[in-house]
Amino acid sequence: MAPRLIITGSTGYIGARLVAIARERGFDVVELGRRPGAAWRIGDEPAASDLEGAVGLVHLAHSWAAPSEAAEEENVNISGTLKLAEAAKAAGVPRFVFASSTSSRKEALNVYGRTKFRIEEHLAASKAAPIVRIARIGLVYGGPRTAMYGLMAKLAALSPILPMIGLSRKVQPIHLDEVAAGLLALATGENQPLQTFVLAQEKPMSFAAWLRILRRAQDKGNLLFIPVPLTAALLACRMTKLLPLIPTVDPERVLGLAGAAPMESSESLRLLKLNLSDPATALTGEFGQTHEEQSRREAQALLRYLGIAPTEIPLQRLCEGLRREGLSPLGLTPAMIRHPALLALFEPPANRTRHRLAQALYLADLASEPERHPGKKAGFFGAILAISSDVLLFPLRALLAGRYR
């Protein structure tokens, strides 16, 4: 019989992935919450039949409608979590995993962090304390581009110059799949010596470095920042709710970032046998920007710019030539790959052999030569048009050609 695992908050960013991975690993998952089959919401008394026989319960649900600084008995996140944990212990559930956050601190700037800390304190003093395990989760990324991860990815890709707060603050990213694996280990593992675990990268990085990783993974080039004071950022959050076509930013997220501080995670990761992946490598794979794929797209753009159909043989020949000459990838922007005519703005005024784009275009010309059919010679007007185009583009080429030098 499949082991039974109970999960609350199963429709959320982390919850949906945890449900999928648990089922892949053979668990009988009970989604306690919004979905049919187990009608419950945080604050309700759970039915004993929904809890009995479970190997563990992972509590991810959080109500954002609760009053910000309500007393414990009035804050449904606090009272509801205690009620659920104590009901789980009474039903014989051996492990209750509470999903907390690395922003969980008594003095946290955001209400979310302070609430998580208050819940942790109440759980430690409750009847359910022997079965409780706290999972303080870092900055989660990967998977569907929703929640905080989706917002950061959009902001990083929005513009090469980004106004932002907390650039020097330290963050600890962790992939969505790694969070799910850690929560499963906590919910099903025996005799863990710790009660509080930190699921986050061991080596923190600055928030600025994290945003640059997100931008490069989307093939958007470098990212420059304009430091913004916290008060101005909170005002901008309010404005995002009024302006169309830009992502809405919750002030709670800004305050969470402003108060971020790293937590020690090495012992937690060792006990849970988690080897976290490098965020830059993981995101490059997720956004489909491997070197091979990027090089192939660039080679297609180079051939199209020269008026050559990028059929398989010249394409393979060009990719090999670019790789052999150390020109792969060039770093062409997505716009130039989609519209190769834009390369005219960056081609050097003269065919300089030391210029990387000029070298790449020369190789593209050579790669297509064996399959090229003699075309019709340009007439008088065609020649005049080509010369006029070169003359008009000369100032722009002189200015922009340095990008791919």
Protein backbone atom coordinates (compact mmCIF):
# COMPACT_ATOMS: atom_id res chain seq x y z
CA MET A 1 0.00 0.00 0.00
CA ALA A 2 1.34 3.45 -0.95
CA PRO A 3 2.47 5.62 1.98
CA ARG A 4 0.04 8.45 2.67
CA LEU A 5 1.29 12.05 2.65
CA ILE A 6 -0.84 15.10 3.53
CA ILE A 7 -0.07 18.46 1.92
CA THR A 8 -1.75 21.81 2.54
CA GLY A 9 -1.33 24.69 0.10
CA SER A 10 -1.11 22.22 -2.78
CA THR A 11 -2.22 24.78 -5.39
CA GLY A 12 0.64 27.17 -4.64
CA TYR A 13 4.01 27.56 -6.35
CA ILE A 14 5.84 25.14 -4.04
CA GLY A 15 2.82 22.99 -3.20
CA ALA A 16 1.94 22.05 -6.78
CA ARG A 17 5.50 20.87 -7.44
CA LEU A 18 5.67 18.97 -4.15
CA VAL A 19 2.45 17.12 -4.98
CA ALA A 20 3.77 16.16 -8.43
CA ILE A 21 7.13 14.89 -7.12
CA ALA A 22 5.52 13.02 -4.20
CA ARG A 23 3.19 11.19 -6.57
CA GLU A 24 6.08 10.39 -8.91
CA ARG A 25 7.81 8.76 -5.93
CA GLY A 26 4.77 6.60 -5.16
CA PHE A 27 3.04 8.50 -2.36
CA ASP A 28 -0.73 8.58 -1.92
CA VAL A 29 -1.12 12.35 -1.61
CA VAL A 30 -4.04 13.94 0.24
CA GLU A 31 -4.36 17.59 -0.83
CA LEU A 32 -5.89 19.19 2.22
CA GLY A 33 -7.35 22.47 1.03
CA ARG A 34 -9.01 23.97 -2.00
CA ARG A 35 -9.30 20.89 -4.19
CA PRO A 36 -12.22 18.40 -3.98
CA GLY A 37 -11.78 15.38 -1.75
CA ALA A 38 -10.63 17.06 1.49
CA ALA A 39 -12.62 20.25 2.12
CA TRP A 40 -10.50 22.30 4.53
CA ARG A 41 -9.03 25.75 4.82
CA ILE A 42 -6.58 27.13 7.32
CA GLY A 43 -8.33 27.69 10.64
CA ASP A 44 -10.75 24.77 10.20
CA GLU A 45 -10.68 21.69 12.38
CA PRO A 46 -9.42 18.89 10.07
CA ALA A 47 -11.34 15.64 9.88
CA ALA A 48 -9.54 12.83 11.71
CA SER A 49 -10.16 10.52 8.75
CA ASP A 50 -8.09 12.85 6.52
CA LEU A 51 -5.11 12.60 8.88
CA GLU A 52 -5.06 9.01 10.13
CA GLY A 53 -2.50 6.67 8.62
CA ALA A 54 -0.33 9.40 7.13
CA VAL A 55 3.47 9.15 7.30
CA GLY A 56 3.75 12.93 7.43
CA LEU A 57 2.04 16.27 6.88
CA VAL A 58 3.59 19.23 5.05
CA HIS A 59 1.90 22.53 5.90
CA LEU A 60 2.43 25.12 3.13
CA ALA A 61 -0.92 26.95 3.28
CA HIS A 62 -0.85 30.62 4.31
CA SER A 63 -3.73 33.08 4.43
CA TRP A 64 -2.85 36.54 3.13
CA ALA A 65 -6.20 37.87 4.34
CA ALA A 66 -5.26 37.64 8.02
CA PRO A 67 -4.91 41.01 9.85
CA SER A 68 -1.26 42.07 9.78
CA GLU A 69 -0.57 42.33 13.52
CA ALA A 70 -3.55 40.51 14.99
CA ALA A 71 -3.30 38.76 18.34
CA GLU A 72 -2.43 35.06 18.19
CA GLU A 73 -6.02 33.88 18.67
CA GLU A 74 -7.20 36.24 15.90
CA ASN A 75 -4.47 35.46 13.36
CA VAL A 76 -5.69 32.44 11.44
CA ASN A 77 -2.18 31.56 10.28
CA ILE A 78 -1.03 31.15 13.89
CA SER A 79 -4.15 29.63 15.45
CA GLY A 80 -4.89 27.52 12.34
CA THR A 81 -1.37 26.07 12.17
CA LEU A 82 -1.45 25.15 15.88
CA LYS A 83 -4.87 23.53 15.48
CA LEU A 84 -3.66 21.48 12.50
CA ALA A 85 -0.41 20.40 14.18
CA GLU A 86 -2.16 19.28 17.36
CA ALA A 87 -4.84 17.43 15.36
CA ALA A 88 -2.06 15.66 13.41
CA LYS A 89 -0.36 14.54 16.63
CA ALA A 90 -3.69 13.33 18.07
CA ALA A 91 -4.31 11.33 14.87
CA GLY A 92 -0.91 9.62 15.17
CA VAL A 93 0.88 11.46 12.33
CA PRO A 94 4.60 11.07 13.17
CA ARG A 95 5.92 14.20 11.40
CA PHE A 96 4.47 17.69 10.92
CA VAL A 97 6.56 19.89 8.59
CA PHE A 98 5.90 23.61 8.79
CA ALA A 99 7.08 25.59 5.75
CA SER A 100 8.67 28.74 7.14
CA SER A 101 11.06 31.25 5.57
CA THR A 102 14.59 32.59 5.93
CA SER A 103 12.86 35.93 6.58
CA SER A 104 11.47 34.42 9.80
CA ARG A 105 12.72 36.77 12.54
CA LYS A 106 11.23 38.53 15.53
CA GLU A 107 12.45 41.87 14.14
CA ALA A 108 11.64 41.15 10.46
CA LEU A 109 10.59 44.22 8.47
CA ASN A 110 7.74 42.40 6.75
CA VAL A 111 4.62 41.00 8.41
CA TYR A 112 5.15 37.63 6.70
CA GLY A 113 8.54 37.12 8.38
CA ARG A 114 7.26 38.16 11.81
CA THR A 115 4.20 35.90 11.47
CA LYS A 116 6.33 32.89 10.51
CA PHE A 117 8.55 33.52 13.53
CA ARG A 118 5.52 33.71 15.87
CA ILE A 119 4.18 30.42 14.45
CA GLU A 120 7.56 28.73 15.03
CA GLU A 121 7.56 29.90 18.67
CA HIS A 122 4.01 28.66 19.28
CA LEU A 123 4.70 25.28 17.66
CA ALA A 124 7.79 24.80 19.84
CA ALA A 125 5.65 25.39 22.96
CA SER A 126 2.64 23.35 21.81
CA LYS A 127 1.56 19.76 22.49
CA ALA A 128 2.59 18.96 18.92
CA ALA A 129 6.23 20.02 19.47
CA PRO A 130 7.64 16.43 19.41
CA ILE A 131 6.48 15.86 15.82
CA VAL A 132 7.20 19.36 14.48
CA ARG A 133 9.96 20.10 11.98
CA ILE A 134 10.53 23.65 10.74
CA ALA A 135 11.73 24.21 7.14
CA ARG A 136 13.08 27.74 6.67
CA ILE A 137 13.09 28.12 2.90
CA GLY A 138 15.34 30.52 1.00
CA LEU A 139 14.72 32.36 -2.27
CA VAL A 140 12.95 29.77 -4.44
CA TYR A 141 13.45 29.77 -8.22
CA GLY A 142 12.74 27.50 -11.17
CA GLY A 143 9.70 25.85 -12.66
CA PRO A 144 6.67 27.96 -13.64
CA ARG A 145 7.44 31.68 -13.70
CA THR A 146 4.99 32.67 -11.01
CA ALA A 147 5.15 34.02 -7.43
CA MET A 148 8.27 35.94 -6.40
CA TYR A 149 10.43 34.06 -8.91
CA GLY A 150 8.22 35.07 -11.84
CA LEU A 151 8.22 38.69 -10.70
CA MET A 152 12.01 38.83 -10.39
CA ALA A 153 12.49 37.19 -13.79
CA LYS A 154 10.21 39.79 -15.40
CA LEU A 155 11.93 42.69 -13.68
CA ALA A 156 15.41 41.42 -14.61
CA ALA A 157 14.39 41.10 -18.28
CA LEU A 158 12.49 44.38 -18.42
CA SER A 159 15.38 46.76 -19.07
CA PRO A 160 19.21 46.83 -19.00
CA ILE A 161 18.93 49.55 -16.33
CA LEU A 162 16.87 48.64 -13.28
CA PRO A 163 15.99 50.79 -10.26
CA MET A 164 16.17 48.47 -7.23
CA ILE A 165 16.50 48.34 -3.45
CA GLY A 166 18.64 46.04 -1.32
CA LEU A 167 21.31 45.40 -3.95
CA SER A 168 23.93 44.47 -1.37
CA ARG A 169 21.56 42.30 0.67
CA LYS A 170 22.53 38.62 0.79
CA VAL A 171 20.09 36.04 -0.61
CA GLN A 172 20.23 32.24 -0.70
CA PRO A 173 18.54 30.80 -3.81
CA ILE A 174 17.30 27.22 -3.98
CA HIS A 175 15.62 25.45 -6.88
CA LEU A 176 11.94 24.52 -6.61
CA ASP A 177 12.70 20.80 -7.11
CA GLU A 178 15.31 20.93 -4.34
CA VAL A 179 12.78 22.51 -1.97
CA ALA A 180 10.31 19.73 -2.77
CA ALA A 181 13.00 17.06 -2.18
CA GLY A 182 13.92 18.65 1.16
CA LEU A 183 10.30 18.84 2.34
CA LEU A 184 9.74 15.20 1.37
CA ALA A 185 12.85 14.17 3.29
CA LEU A 186 11.63 16.04 6.36
CA ALA A 187 8.14 14.54 6.11
CA THR A 188 9.30 10.95 5.71
CA GLY A 189 12.81 10.71 7.25
CA GLU A 190 13.32 9.08 10.64
CA ASN A 191 15.04 10.48 13.75
CA GLN A 192 16.33 13.82 12.48
CA PRO A 193 18.48 15.46 15.21
CA LEU A 194 17.35 19.01 14.39
CA GLN A 195 13.93 20.62 14.69
CA THR A 196 14.69 23.64 12.46
CA PHE A 197 16.20 23.13 9.00
CA VAL A 198 17.35 25.74 6.49
CA LEU A 199 16.70 24.92 2.82
CA ALA A 200 18.93 27.41 0.99
CA GLN A 201 22.31 27.78 -0.71
CA GLU A 202 25.27 27.54 1.66
CA LYS A 203 27.06 30.51 0.09
CA PRO A 204 24.88 33.63 0.01
CA MET A 205 25.10 36.02 -2.93
CA SER A 206 24.15 39.66 -3.27
CA PHE A 207 20.70 40.45 -4.60
CA ALA A 208 22.37 42.37 -7.46
CA ALA A 209 24.34 39.24 -8.46
CA TRP A 210 21.12 37.19 -8.34
CA LEU A 211 19.27 39.59 -10.65
CA ARG A 212 22.20 39.54 -13.11
CA ILE A 213 22.05 35.73 -13.19
CA LEU A 214 18.32 35.92 -13.95
CA ARG A 215 18.90 38.40 -16.79
CA ARG A 216 21.80 36.48 -18.37
CA ALA A 217 19.79 33.25 -18.23
CA GLN A 218 17.17 34.97 -20.39
CA ASP A 219 19.89 36.03 -22.85
CA LYS A 220 19.33 39.71 -22.12
CA GLY A 221 22.94 40.80 -21.59
CA ASN A 222 24.30 42.82 -18.69
CA LEU A 223 22.27 44.62 -16.04
CA LEU A 224 23.01 48.00 -14.46
CA PHE A 225 21.28 49.27 -11.33
CA ILE A 226 20.02 52.54 -9.94
CA PRO A 227 19.96 52.19 -6.12
CA VAL A 228 16.55 53.19 -4.72
CA PRO A 229 15.78 54.18 -1.10
CA LEU A 230 13.28 51.96 0.70
CA THR A 231 10.68 54.74 1.09
CA ALA A 232 10.77 55.46 -2.65
CA ALA A 233 10.45 51.73 -3.42
CA LEU A 234 7.37 51.39 -1.22
CA LEU A 235 5.80 54.39 -2.98
CA ALA A 236 6.58 52.76 -6.35
CA CYS A 237 4.84 49.57 -5.17
CA ARG A 238 1.66 51.52 -4.67
CA MET A 239 2.03 53.05 -8.13
CA THR A 240 2.37 49.63 -9.80
CA LYS A 241 -1.22 48.91 -8.77
CA LEU A 242 -2.38 51.95 -10.73
CA LEU A 243 -0.28 51.67 -13.90
CA PRO A 244 -1.09 49.13 -16.64
CA LEU A 245 1.40 46.88 -18.48
CA ILE A 246 3.93 46.64 -15.63
CA PRO A 247 4.20 43.91 -12.97
CA THR A 248 2.43 44.69 -9.67
CA VAL A 249 4.81 44.55 -6.71
CA ASP A 250 3.55 43.80 -3.20
CA PRO A 251 5.18 46.04 -0.53
CA GLU A 252 5.51 42.92 1.64
CA ARG A 253 8.00 41.48 -0.86
CA VAL A 254 10.04 44.69 -0.87
CA LEU A 255 10.15 44.76 2.93
CA GLY A 256 11.12 41.09 2.98
CA LEU A 257 14.07 41.81 0.73
CA ALA A 258 15.08 44.92 2.67
CA GLY A 259 15.31 42.86 5.86
CA ALA A 260 16.94 39.78 4.32
CA ALA A 261 19.88 38.19 6.14
CA PRO A 262 21.57 34.84 5.44
CA MET A 263 21.12 31.72 7.58
CA GLU A 264 23.49 28.80 8.10
CA SER A 265 22.31 25.88 5.94
CA SER A 266 25.26 23.48 5.53
CA GLU A 267 24.28 21.12 8.38
CA SER A 268 20.64 21.00 7.21
CA LEU A 269 21.64 20.17 3.65
CA ARG A 270 24.05 17.46 4.85
CA LEU A 271 21.43 15.79 7.03
CA LEU A 272 18.85 15.86 4.24
CA LYS A 273 21.45 14.70 1.66
CA LEU A 274 20.72 17.65 -0.63
CA ASN A 275 23.37 18.73 -3.13
CA LEU A 276 22.13 22.04 -4.46
CA SER A 277 22.76 22.95 -8.09
CA ASP A 278 24.46 26.14 -9.21
CA PRO A 279 21.66 28.66 -9.90
CA ALA A 280 23.33 30.07 -13.03
CA THR A 281 23.66 26.59 -14.57
CA ALA A 282 20.15 25.53 -13.56
CA LEU A 283 18.54 28.69 -14.93
CA THR A 284 20.50 28.51 -18.18
CA GLY A 285 19.03 25.06 -18.72
CA GLU A 286 15.51 26.16 -17.76
CA PHE A 287 15.50 29.14 -20.10
CA GLY A 288 16.86 26.93 -22.91
CA GLN A 289 20.03 28.94 -23.38
CA THR A 290 22.68 26.21 -23.68
CA HIS A 291 25.79 27.15 -25.64
CA GLU A 292 24.94 24.67 -28.40
CA GLU A 293 21.41 26.00 -28.90
CA GLN A 294 22.56 29.61 -28.75
CA SER A 295 25.36 28.94 -31.26
CA ARG A 296 22.98 27.26 -33.67
CA ARG A 297 20.50 30.14 -33.52
CA GLU A 298 23.31 32.63 -34.07
CA ALA A 299 24.61 30.65 -37.06
CA GLN A 300 21.13 30.68 -38.61
CA ALA A 301 20.95 34.47 -38.13
CA LEU A 302 24.38 34.99 -39.76
CA LEU A 303 23.38 32.95 -42.81
CA ARG A 304 20.05 34.76 -43.14
CA TYR A 305 21.81 38.12 -42.91
CA LEU A 306 23.88 37.12 -45.94
CA GLY A 307 20.75 36.07 -47.80
CA ILE A 308 21.53 32.35 -47.48
CA ALA A 309 18.94 29.75 -46.51
CA PRO A 310 20.20 28.06 -43.30
CA THR A 311 19.91 24.46 -44.50
CA GLU A 312 21.46 21.70 -42.41
CA ILE A 313 24.80 21.20 -44.21
CA PRO A 314 25.99 24.85 -44.27
CA LEU A 315 24.56 25.29 -40.76
CA GLN A 316 26.62 22.41 -39.37
CA ARG A 317 29.67 23.64 -41.24
CA LEU A 318 29.30 27.16 -39.86
CA CYS A 319 28.68 25.96 -36.26
CA GLU A 320 31.86 23.89 -36.43
CA GLY A 321 33.85 26.80 -37.89
CA LEU A 322 32.61 29.23 -35.22
CA ARG A 323 33.46 26.74 -32.48
CA ARG A 324 36.93 26.07 -33.91
CA GLU A 325 37.73 29.80 -34.11
CA GLY A 326 36.47 30.52 -30.59
CA LEU A 327 33.54 32.64 -31.83
CA SER A 328 30.81 30.50 -30.32
CA PRO A 329 28.60 31.97 -29.03
CA LEU A 330 28.93 35.59 -30.15
CA GLY A 331 26.31 36.85 -27.71
CA LEU A 332 23.79 38.15 -30.25
CA THR A 333 20.63 39.51 -28.66
CA PRO A 334 17.28 37.75 -29.20
CA ALA A 335 16.15 40.71 -31.34
CA MET A 336 19.10 40.26 -33.71
CA ILE A 337 18.51 36.51 -33.92
CA ARG A 338 14.86 37.10 -34.81
CA HIS A 339 15.66 39.98 -37.18
CA PRO A 340 19.12 39.36 -38.70
CA ALA A 341 18.90 42.59 -40.74
CA LEU A 342 19.80 44.40 -37.50
CA LEU A 343 23.32 42.98 -37.83
CA ALA A 344 23.91 45.69 -40.44
CA LEU A 345 24.12 48.19 -37.60
CA PHE A 346 26.96 46.30 -35.91
CA GLU A 347 28.99 45.11 -38.90
CA PRO A 348 32.30 47.01 -38.94
CA PRO A 349 32.78 49.68 -41.68
CA ALA A 350 35.64 47.59 -43.11
CA ASN A 351 36.19 43.85 -43.14
CA ARG A 352 38.55 43.75 -40.16
CA THR A 353 39.92 40.27 -39.56
CA ARG A 354 40.30 40.94 -35.84
CA HIS A 355 36.63 41.90 -35.45
CA ARG A 356 34.61 38.95 -34.11
CA LEU A 357 31.42 39.71 -36.05
CA ALA A 358 33.40 40.28 -39.26
CA GLN A 359 35.16 36.95 -38.76
CA ALA A 360 31.85 35.19 -38.14
CA LEU A 361 30.30 36.66 -41.29
CA TYR A 362 33.36 35.64 -43.31
CA LEU A 363 32.97 32.06 -42.00
CA ALA A 364 29.26 32.13 -42.84
CA ASP A 365 30.11 33.12 -46.39
CA LEU A 366 32.64 30.29 -46.68
CA ALA A 367 30.30 27.72 -45.09
CA SER A 368 27.59 28.35 -47.67
CA GLU A 369 29.82 28.60 -50.74
CA PRO A 370 29.70 24.94 -51.88
CA GLU A 371 25.87 24.91 -51.93
CA ARG A 372 25.42 28.42 -53.27
CA HIS A 373 23.91 28.81 -56.72
CA PRO A 374 25.02 31.70 -58.90
CA GLY A 375 22.39 34.40 -58.58
CA LYS A 376 21.30 37.17 -60.84
CA LYS A 377 23.74 40.08 -60.91
CA ALA A 378 22.53 43.26 -59.30
CA GLY A 379 21.46 45.91 -61.78
CA PHE A 380 22.43 49.57 -61.79
CA PHE A 381 19.69 50.64 -59.39
CA GLY A 382 20.45 47.73 -57.08
CA ALA A 383 24.09 48.75 -56.91
CA ILE A 384 23.16 52.38 -56.21
CA LEU A 385 20.80 51.24 -53.42
CA ALA A 386 23.52 49.07 -51.84
CA ILE A 387 26.07 51.91 -51.94
CA SER A 388 23.59 54.41 -50.50
CA SER A 389 22.73 52.00 -47.71
CA ASP A 390 26.40 51.57 -46.82
CA VAL A 391 26.93 55.34 -46.77
CA LEU A 392 23.90 55.95 -44.54
CA LEU A 393 24.84 53.15 -42.15
CA PHE A 394 28.50 54.17 -41.86
CA PRO A 395 28.07 56.50 -38.81
CA LEU A 396 26.02 53.90 -36.93
CA ARG A 397 28.45 51.12 -37.78
CA ALA A 398 31.40 53.23 -36.62
CA LEU A 399 29.58 53.82 -33.33
CA LEU A 400 28.13 50.36 -32.65
CA ALA A 401 30.65 47.98 -34.23
CA GLY A 402 32.72 47.90 -31.04
CA ARG A 403 30.12 45.71 -29.32
CA TYR A 404 31.37 42.51 -30.98
CA ARG A 405 35.03 43.47 -31.37
